[in-house]
Amino acid sequence: MKQIEVSILGQAYVLGCPEGGERQLREAVAAVDREMSGIRDAGKVKARERIAVLAALNLAYQLAERGPATPPEAGSVDIDALIQRVDAVLGNDGRLL
């Protein structure tokens, strides 16, 4: 597994990335960073953990609005795996769920 360095809210993270998945992971990181930055910049929420939870909820809602997921072989989202990845990114900041 390849490792890549990314930045979310100005904080650097090293993430594991399966071969051939770098583009998708970087796009996911960019979406999370945009969402978290928007919440932070609105000025109503300061705690990073709360910003992360709100961003996760916003992104999950956007996915749900798209309708039923495509079959797994076409790339549907595994929520348990996504939560584990977010937990890994949060690291010492604490677990998301």
N, C-alpha and C. Protein backbone atom coordinates (compact mmCIF):
# COMPACT_ATOMS: atom_id res chain seq x y z
N MET A 1 0.84 -1.17 0.00
CA MET A 1 0.00 0.00 0.00
C MET A 1 0.89 1.23 0.00
N LYS A 2 0.55 2.15 -0.84
CA LYS A 2 1.28 3.40 -0.99
C LYS A 2 0.84 4.38 0.09
N GLN A 3 1.71 5.30 0.50
CA GLN A 3 1.35 6.35 1.44
C GLN A 3 1.48 7.69 0.74
N ILE A 4 0.50 8.55 0.99
CA ILE A 4 0.56 9.90 0.43
C ILE A 4 0.35 10.91 1.55
N GLU A 5 0.93 12.07 1.39
CA GLU A 5 0.76 13.14 2.38
C GLU A 5 -0.27 14.12 1.84
N VAL A 6 -1.23 14.46 2.70
CA VAL A 6 -2.29 15.40 2.34
C VAL A 6 -2.42 16.43 3.44
N SER A 7 -3.21 17.46 3.17
CA SER A 7 -3.46 18.50 4.16
C SER A 7 -4.97 18.76 4.25
N ILE A 8 -5.46 18.77 5.49
CA ILE A 8 -6.87 19.09 5.76
C ILE A 8 -6.87 20.17 6.83
N LEU A 9 -7.49 21.29 6.54
CA LEU A 9 -7.50 22.45 7.44
C LEU A 9 -6.10 22.84 7.87
N GLY A 10 -5.15 22.75 6.94
CA GLY A 10 -3.78 23.15 7.21
C GLY A 10 -2.97 22.15 8.01
N GLN A 11 -3.55 21.01 8.35
CA GLN A 11 -2.85 19.98 9.12
C GLN A 11 -2.45 18.85 8.16
N ALA A 12 -1.20 18.44 8.24
CA ALA A 12 -0.69 17.39 7.36
C ALA A 12 -1.04 16.01 7.92
N TYR A 13 -1.40 15.10 7.02
CA TYR A 13 -1.70 13.71 7.36
C TYR A 13 -1.03 12.82 6.34
N VAL A 14 -0.55 11.66 6.78
CA VAL A 14 -0.03 10.64 5.89
C VAL A 14 -1.08 9.53 5.86
N LEU A 15 -1.59 9.25 4.66
CA LEU A 15 -2.67 8.28 4.50
C LEU A 15 -2.21 7.10 3.67
N GLY A 16 -2.69 5.93 4.02
CA GLY A 16 -2.46 4.75 3.20
C GLY A 16 -3.38 4.81 2.00
N CYS A 17 -2.85 4.42 0.86
CA CYS A 17 -3.61 4.52 -0.37
C CYS A 17 -3.36 3.26 -1.21
N PRO A 18 -4.44 2.56 -1.60
CA PRO A 18 -4.24 1.38 -2.44
C PRO A 18 -3.70 1.80 -3.81
N GLU A 19 -2.95 0.90 -4.42
CA GLU A 19 -2.42 1.18 -5.76
C GLU A 19 -3.55 1.57 -6.70
N GLY A 20 -3.34 2.62 -7.45
CA GLY A 20 -4.33 3.08 -8.41
C GLY A 20 -5.43 3.94 -7.80
N GLY A 21 -5.39 4.19 -6.50
CA GLY A 21 -6.45 4.94 -5.85
C GLY A 21 -6.07 6.35 -5.44
N GLU A 22 -4.88 6.80 -5.84
CA GLU A 22 -4.41 8.11 -5.39
C GLU A 22 -5.32 9.25 -5.85
N ARG A 23 -5.75 9.23 -7.08
CA ARG A 23 -6.60 10.31 -7.58
C ARG A 23 -7.89 10.39 -6.78
N GLN A 24 -8.52 9.24 -6.56
CA GLN A 24 -9.77 9.23 -5.82
C GLN A 24 -9.58 9.70 -4.38
N LEU A 25 -8.49 9.27 -3.76
CA LEU A 25 -8.23 9.68 -2.38
C LEU A 25 -7.97 11.18 -2.31
N ARG A 26 -7.19 11.70 -3.25
CA ARG A 26 -6.93 13.15 -3.25
C ARG A 26 -8.22 13.94 -3.49
N GLU A 27 -9.10 13.44 -4.35
CA GLU A 27 -10.39 14.11 -4.57
C GLU A 27 -11.24 14.08 -3.30
N ALA A 28 -11.22 12.95 -2.60
CA ALA A 28 -11.96 12.84 -1.34
C ALA A 28 -11.40 13.80 -0.30
N VAL A 29 -10.09 13.88 -0.21
CA VAL A 29 -9.44 14.80 0.74
C VAL A 29 -9.81 16.24 0.39
N ALA A 30 -9.80 16.57 -0.89
CA ALA A 30 -10.15 17.93 -1.31
C ALA A 30 -11.60 18.26 -0.93
N ALA A 31 -12.51 17.30 -1.10
CA ALA A 31 -13.91 17.52 -0.74
C ALA A 31 -14.06 17.72 0.76
N VAL A 32 -13.37 16.91 1.55
CA VAL A 32 -13.42 17.04 3.01
C VAL A 32 -12.82 18.38 3.43
N ASP A 33 -11.70 18.75 2.85
CA ASP A 33 -11.06 20.02 3.19
C ASP A 33 -11.96 21.20 2.84
N ARG A 34 -12.58 21.16 1.66
CA ARG A 34 -13.50 22.24 1.27
C ARG A 34 -14.66 22.36 2.25
N GLU A 35 -15.24 21.22 2.59
CA GLU A 35 -16.39 21.20 3.48
C GLU A 35 -16.00 21.71 4.87
N MET A 36 -14.89 21.21 5.39
CA MET A 36 -14.45 21.63 6.72
C MET A 36 -14.05 23.10 6.73
N SER A 37 -13.38 23.56 5.68
CA SER A 37 -12.99 24.97 5.60
C SER A 37 -14.20 25.88 5.55
N GLY A 38 -15.22 25.46 4.80
CA GLY A 38 -16.44 26.26 4.71
C GLY A 38 -17.12 26.40 6.06
N ILE A 39 -17.16 25.32 6.83
CA ILE A 39 -17.77 25.36 8.16
C ILE A 39 -16.94 26.24 9.08
N ARG A 40 -15.63 26.05 9.05
CA ARG A 40 -14.73 26.87 9.89
C ARG A 40 -14.85 28.34 9.52
N ASP A 41 -14.84 28.64 8.23
CA ASP A 41 -14.87 30.03 7.77
C ASP A 41 -16.19 30.73 8.06
N ALA A 42 -17.26 29.95 8.23
CA ALA A 42 -18.55 30.55 8.59
C ALA A 42 -18.48 31.12 10.00
N GLY A 43 -17.51 30.65 10.80
CA GLY A 43 -17.24 31.25 12.10
C GLY A 43 -18.10 30.80 13.26
N LYS A 44 -19.02 29.89 13.04
CA LYS A 44 -19.91 29.49 14.13
C LYS A 44 -19.38 28.30 14.92
N VAL A 45 -18.48 27.53 14.33
CA VAL A 45 -17.95 26.34 14.99
C VAL A 45 -16.43 26.45 14.99
N LYS A 46 -15.82 26.24 16.15
CA LYS A 46 -14.36 26.37 16.27
C LYS A 46 -13.65 25.03 16.49
N ALA A 47 -14.27 24.11 17.22
CA ALA A 47 -13.61 22.85 17.56
C ALA A 47 -13.46 21.97 16.32
N ARG A 48 -12.26 21.48 16.10
CA ARG A 48 -11.97 20.68 14.91
C ARG A 48 -12.84 19.42 14.85
N GLU A 49 -13.06 18.79 16.00
CA GLU A 49 -13.87 17.57 16.02
C GLU A 49 -15.30 17.86 15.58
N ARG A 50 -15.87 18.96 16.03
CA ARG A 50 -17.24 19.32 15.65
C ARG A 50 -17.30 19.67 14.16
N ILE A 51 -16.28 20.37 13.68
CA ILE A 51 -16.21 20.70 12.26
C ILE A 51 -16.16 19.41 11.45
N ALA A 52 -15.36 18.43 11.90
CA ALA A 52 -15.24 17.15 11.18
C ALA A 52 -16.57 16.42 11.14
N VAL A 53 -17.29 16.40 12.26
CA VAL A 53 -18.58 15.70 12.31
C VAL A 53 -19.58 16.39 11.38
N LEU A 54 -19.65 17.70 11.44
CA LEU A 54 -20.58 18.43 10.57
C LEU A 54 -20.23 18.23 9.09
N ALA A 55 -18.95 18.26 8.77
CA ALA A 55 -18.53 18.04 7.39
C ALA A 55 -18.90 16.63 6.94
N ALA A 56 -18.68 15.64 7.80
CA ALA A 56 -19.03 14.25 7.46
C ALA A 56 -20.52 14.12 7.22
N LEU A 57 -21.32 14.75 8.07
CA LEU A 57 -22.77 14.70 7.88
C LEU A 57 -23.19 15.38 6.58
N ASN A 58 -22.60 16.52 6.28
CA ASN A 58 -22.92 17.22 5.03
C ASN A 58 -22.57 16.37 3.82
N LEU A 59 -21.39 15.76 3.84
CA LEU A 59 -20.98 14.93 2.71
C LEU A 59 -21.84 13.67 2.59
N ALA A 60 -22.19 13.06 3.72
CA ALA A 60 -23.06 11.88 3.70
C ALA A 60 -24.44 12.25 3.15
N TYR A 61 -24.95 13.41 3.53
CA TYR A 61 -26.24 13.87 3.02
C TYR A 61 -26.18 14.07 1.50
N GLN A 62 -25.08 14.67 1.03
CA GLN A 62 -24.93 14.87 -0.41
C GLN A 62 -24.91 13.54 -1.15
N LEU A 63 -24.25 12.54 -0.57
CA LEU A 63 -24.24 11.20 -1.19
C LEU A 63 -25.64 10.60 -1.20
N ALA A 64 -26.37 10.77 -0.10
CA ALA A 64 -27.72 10.21 0.00
C ALA A 64 -28.66 10.87 -1.01
N GLU A 65 -28.46 12.15 -1.28
CA GLU A 65 -29.29 12.86 -2.27
C GLU A 65 -29.13 12.30 -3.67
N ARG A 66 -28.00 11.67 -3.93
CA ARG A 66 -27.74 11.12 -5.27
C ARG A 66 -28.61 9.91 -5.57
N GLY A 67 -29.21 9.34 -4.53
CA GLY A 67 -30.07 8.18 -4.74
C GLY A 67 -29.35 6.90 -4.38
N PRO A 68 -29.93 5.77 -4.76
CA PRO A 68 -29.35 4.47 -4.41
C PRO A 68 -27.92 4.34 -4.92
N ALA A 69 -27.11 3.67 -4.12
CA ALA A 69 -25.71 3.46 -4.49
C ALA A 69 -25.63 2.48 -5.66
N THR A 70 -24.56 2.60 -6.41
CA THR A 70 -24.31 1.67 -7.50
C THR A 70 -23.82 0.36 -6.92
N PRO A 71 -23.86 -0.72 -7.66
CA PRO A 71 -23.37 -2.01 -7.15
C PRO A 71 -21.92 -1.89 -6.69
N PRO A 72 -21.50 -2.70 -5.69
CA PRO A 72 -20.14 -2.61 -5.16
C PRO A 72 -19.05 -2.68 -6.22
N GLU A 73 -19.24 -3.48 -7.24
CA GLU A 73 -18.20 -3.59 -8.25
C GLU A 73 -18.03 -2.30 -9.06
N ALA A 74 -19.02 -1.40 -8.97
CA ALA A 74 -18.91 -0.13 -9.70
C ALA A 74 -18.43 1.00 -8.78
N GLY A 75 -18.13 0.69 -7.50
CA GLY A 75 -17.52 1.70 -6.64
C GLY A 75 -18.44 2.30 -5.60
N SER A 76 -19.39 1.57 -5.04
CA SER A 76 -20.25 2.15 -4.00
C SER A 76 -19.44 2.38 -2.73
N VAL A 77 -19.97 3.18 -1.84
CA VAL A 77 -19.28 3.59 -0.63
C VAL A 77 -19.51 2.56 0.48
N ASP A 78 -18.46 2.10 1.11
CA ASP A 78 -18.53 1.22 2.28
C ASP A 78 -18.40 2.13 3.50
N ILE A 79 -19.52 2.40 4.18
CA ILE A 79 -19.55 3.35 5.29
C ILE A 79 -18.60 2.93 6.41
N ASP A 80 -18.56 1.64 6.76
CA ASP A 80 -17.66 1.19 7.82
C ASP A 80 -16.21 1.48 7.47
N ALA A 81 -15.83 1.22 6.23
CA ALA A 81 -14.46 1.50 5.79
C ALA A 81 -14.19 3.00 5.81
N LEU A 82 -15.18 3.80 5.42
CA LEU A 82 -15.02 5.25 5.42
C LEU A 82 -14.82 5.77 6.85
N ILE A 83 -15.60 5.25 7.80
CA ILE A 83 -15.46 5.66 9.19
C ILE A 83 -14.07 5.28 9.71
N GLN A 84 -13.60 4.10 9.37
CA GLN A 84 -12.26 3.68 9.80
C GLN A 84 -11.19 4.60 9.22
N ARG A 85 -11.36 5.01 7.98
CA ARG A 85 -10.38 5.91 7.36
C ARG A 85 -10.40 7.27 8.02
N VAL A 86 -11.60 7.79 8.34
CA VAL A 86 -11.70 9.09 9.02
C VAL A 86 -11.07 8.98 10.41
N ASP A 87 -11.34 7.88 11.14
CA ASP A 87 -10.73 7.67 12.44
C ASP A 87 -9.22 7.67 12.34
N ALA A 88 -8.68 7.02 11.31
CA ALA A 88 -7.23 6.97 11.12
C ALA A 88 -6.67 8.36 10.87
N VAL A 89 -7.39 9.18 10.11
CA VAL A 89 -6.93 10.54 9.82
C VAL A 89 -6.96 11.38 11.08
N LEU A 90 -8.01 11.22 11.90
CA LEU A 90 -8.11 12.01 13.13
C LEU A 90 -7.01 11.65 14.11
N GLY A 91 -6.57 10.40 14.09
CA GLY A 91 -5.46 9.96 14.92
C GLY A 91 -5.60 10.38 16.37
N ASN A 92 -4.65 11.17 16.84
CA ASN A 92 -4.63 11.58 18.24
C ASN A 92 -5.74 12.55 18.61
N ASP A 93 -6.43 13.11 17.64
CA ASP A 93 -7.52 14.04 17.92
C ASP A 93 -8.72 13.31 18.49
N GLY A 94 -8.80 12.01 18.35
CA GLY A 94 -9.93 11.24 18.87
C GLY A 94 -10.68 10.58 17.75
N ARG A 95 -11.51 9.63 18.14
CA ARG A 95 -12.28 8.87 17.15
C ARG A 95 -13.53 9.66 16.78
N LEU A 96 -13.91 9.59 15.52
CA LEU A 96 -15.10 10.28 15.04
C LEU A 96 -16.35 9.65 15.65
N LEU A 97 -16.48 8.33 15.57
CA LEU A 97 -17.65 7.64 16.11
C LEU A 97 -17.20 6.53 17.04
